[in-house]
Amino acid sequence: LAQAKSIGEIRLVVHQTQEDENGETISKTLTDNPKVLAIIGIAEKKAKVLVSRSKDIDVDCRVLLKEIMNELGGGGGGKPEYAQGGGGDVEKLPETLKKGPDIVLAVVSKK
């Protein structure tokens, strides 16, 4: 959270998990804080991505996930406050996560 990037009132955290980290736990812990949007990448055999938000942000995580998975390949779905996708190219995960702030900015600015 200390490295969160501000996009308007949103504090964006983009993180790729390490071997001993649980992506779902990180996602939930971060979004228990106000004004947080989290994009968590998990590199397994295929790439997995979790997109979640605090209750006080009006961003549809499904829309963000769709844009991210367009970059990675694979698919996913979920709810407005939490979406997950998988099946993407694990080699593309770090580069796609770097684009996270730009993807969020593009989606938020369309509102």
Protein backbone atom coordinates (compact mmCIF):
# COMPACT_ATOMS: atom_id res chain seq x y z
CA LEU A 1 0.00 0.00 0.00
CA ALA A 2 2.95 2.30 0.64
CA GLN A 3 3.88 2.03 -3.06
CA ALA A 4 0.32 2.71 -4.26
CA LYS A 5 0.00 4.98 -7.27
CA SER A 6 -2.66 7.70 -7.04
CA ILE A 7 -5.15 7.95 -9.88
CA GLY A 8 -7.55 10.67 -8.82
CA GLU A 9 -8.93 9.55 -5.46
CA ILE A 10 -7.97 5.91 -6.11
CA ARG A 11 -4.89 4.31 -4.58
CA LEU A 12 -3.80 1.69 -7.11
CA VAL A 13 -1.66 -1.24 -6.05
CA VAL A 14 -0.24 -3.48 -8.78
CA HIS A 15 1.69 -6.48 -7.46
CA GLN A 16 3.00 -9.80 -8.76
CA THR A 17 3.04 -12.39 -6.01
CA GLN A 18 6.17 -14.16 -4.91
CA GLU A 19 6.27 -17.90 -4.27
CA ASP A 20 5.26 -17.71 -0.62
CA GLU A 21 2.47 -15.11 -1.05
CA ASN A 22 -1.26 -15.75 -1.35
CA GLY A 23 -2.75 -13.44 -3.98
CA GLU A 24 -6.29 -13.66 -2.64
CA THR A 25 -5.16 -12.76 0.88
CA ILE A 26 -3.15 -9.80 -0.41
CA SER A 27 -6.09 -8.62 -2.51
CA LYS A 28 -8.54 -8.79 0.39
CA THR A 29 -6.16 -7.16 2.87
CA LEU A 30 -5.46 -4.24 0.54
CA THR A 31 -9.09 -3.59 -0.35
CA ASP A 32 -10.16 -3.58 3.28
CA ASN A 33 -8.58 -0.09 3.22
CA PRO A 34 -10.48 2.88 1.77
CA LYS A 35 -10.07 4.01 -1.85
CA VAL A 36 -7.90 1.04 -2.90
CA LEU A 37 -7.92 -0.75 -6.23
CA ALA A 38 -5.69 -3.83 -6.41
CA ILE A 39 -4.40 -5.73 -9.42
CA ILE A 40 -2.61 -8.88 -8.31
CA GLY A 41 -0.76 -11.08 -10.78
CA ILE A 42 0.04 -14.70 -10.01
CA ALA A 43 2.57 -16.56 -12.16
CA GLU A 44 1.80 -20.28 -12.14
CA LYS A 45 1.73 -22.58 -15.19
CA LYS A 46 -0.57 -19.97 -16.70
CA ALA A 47 -0.97 -16.37 -15.60
CA LYS A 48 -3.75 -15.57 -13.13
CA VAL A 49 -4.98 -12.06 -12.33
CA LEU A 50 -7.14 -10.80 -9.46
CA VAL A 51 -8.74 -7.36 -9.64
CA SER A 52 -10.47 -6.04 -6.54
CA ARG A 53 -11.58 -2.73 -5.08
CA SER A 54 -12.68 -1.12 -1.84
CA LYS A 55 -16.42 -0.66 -1.37
CA ASP A 56 -16.03 3.14 -1.64
CA ILE A 57 -14.78 3.14 -5.25
CA ASP A 58 -17.09 3.07 -8.27
CA VAL A 59 -14.98 1.00 -10.68
CA ASP A 60 -16.15 -2.23 -12.31
CA CYS A 61 -13.39 -4.79 -11.76
CA ARG A 62 -14.81 -6.95 -14.57
CA VAL A 63 -14.10 -4.19 -17.11
CA LEU A 64 -10.53 -3.81 -15.86
CA LEU A 65 -9.99 -7.56 -15.88
CA LYS A 66 -11.23 -7.79 -19.47
CA GLU A 67 -8.71 -5.16 -20.58
CA ILE A 68 -5.88 -6.90 -18.73
CA MET A 69 -6.80 -10.32 -20.11
CA ASN A 70 -6.89 -8.82 -23.63
CA GLU A 71 -3.17 -8.21 -23.13
CA LEU A 72 -2.43 -11.59 -21.56
CA GLY A 73 -4.82 -13.92 -23.31
CA GLY A 74 -7.12 -16.17 -21.33
CA GLY A 75 -10.41 -15.13 -19.80
CA GLY A 76 -12.28 -14.51 -16.61
CA GLY A 77 -15.16 -12.82 -14.88
CA GLY A 78 -16.63 -12.00 -11.52
CA LYS A 79 -18.47 -9.20 -9.78
CA PRO A 80 -18.07 -5.41 -9.96
CA GLU A 81 -16.01 -5.45 -6.74
CA TYR A 82 -13.91 -8.59 -7.45
CA ALA A 83 -12.98 -10.34 -10.67
CA GLN A 84 -10.43 -12.97 -11.55
CA GLY A 85 -9.01 -14.33 -14.76
CA GLY A 86 -6.61 -17.00 -15.87
CA GLY A 87 -5.15 -18.94 -18.73
CA GLY A 88 -2.97 -16.12 -19.95
CA ASP A 89 0.64 -16.19 -21.12
CA VAL A 90 2.75 -16.22 -17.96
CA GLU A 91 5.69 -14.68 -19.89
CA LYS A 92 3.59 -11.56 -20.57
CA LEU A 93 2.49 -11.10 -16.95
CA PRO A 94 5.24 -8.69 -15.73
CA GLU A 95 4.89 -6.43 -18.78
CA THR A 96 1.08 -6.45 -18.57
CA LEU A 97 1.17 -5.54 -14.88
CA LYS A 98 3.42 -2.58 -15.71
CA LYS A 99 0.61 -1.34 -17.98
CA GLY A 100 -1.86 -1.58 -15.05
CA PRO A 101 -1.94 2.15 -14.24
CA ASP A 102 -2.52 3.06 -17.90
CA ILE A 103 -5.31 0.48 -18.20
CA VAL A 104 -6.98 1.81 -15.03
CA LEU A 105 -6.66 5.40 -16.23
CA ALA A 106 -8.24 4.49 -19.59
CA VAL A 107 -11.16 2.67 -17.94
CA VAL A 108 -11.76 5.34 -15.29
CA SER A 109 -11.63 8.16 -17.84
CA LYS A 110 -14.35 6.47 -19.95
CA LYS A 111 -16.88 6.92 -17.12
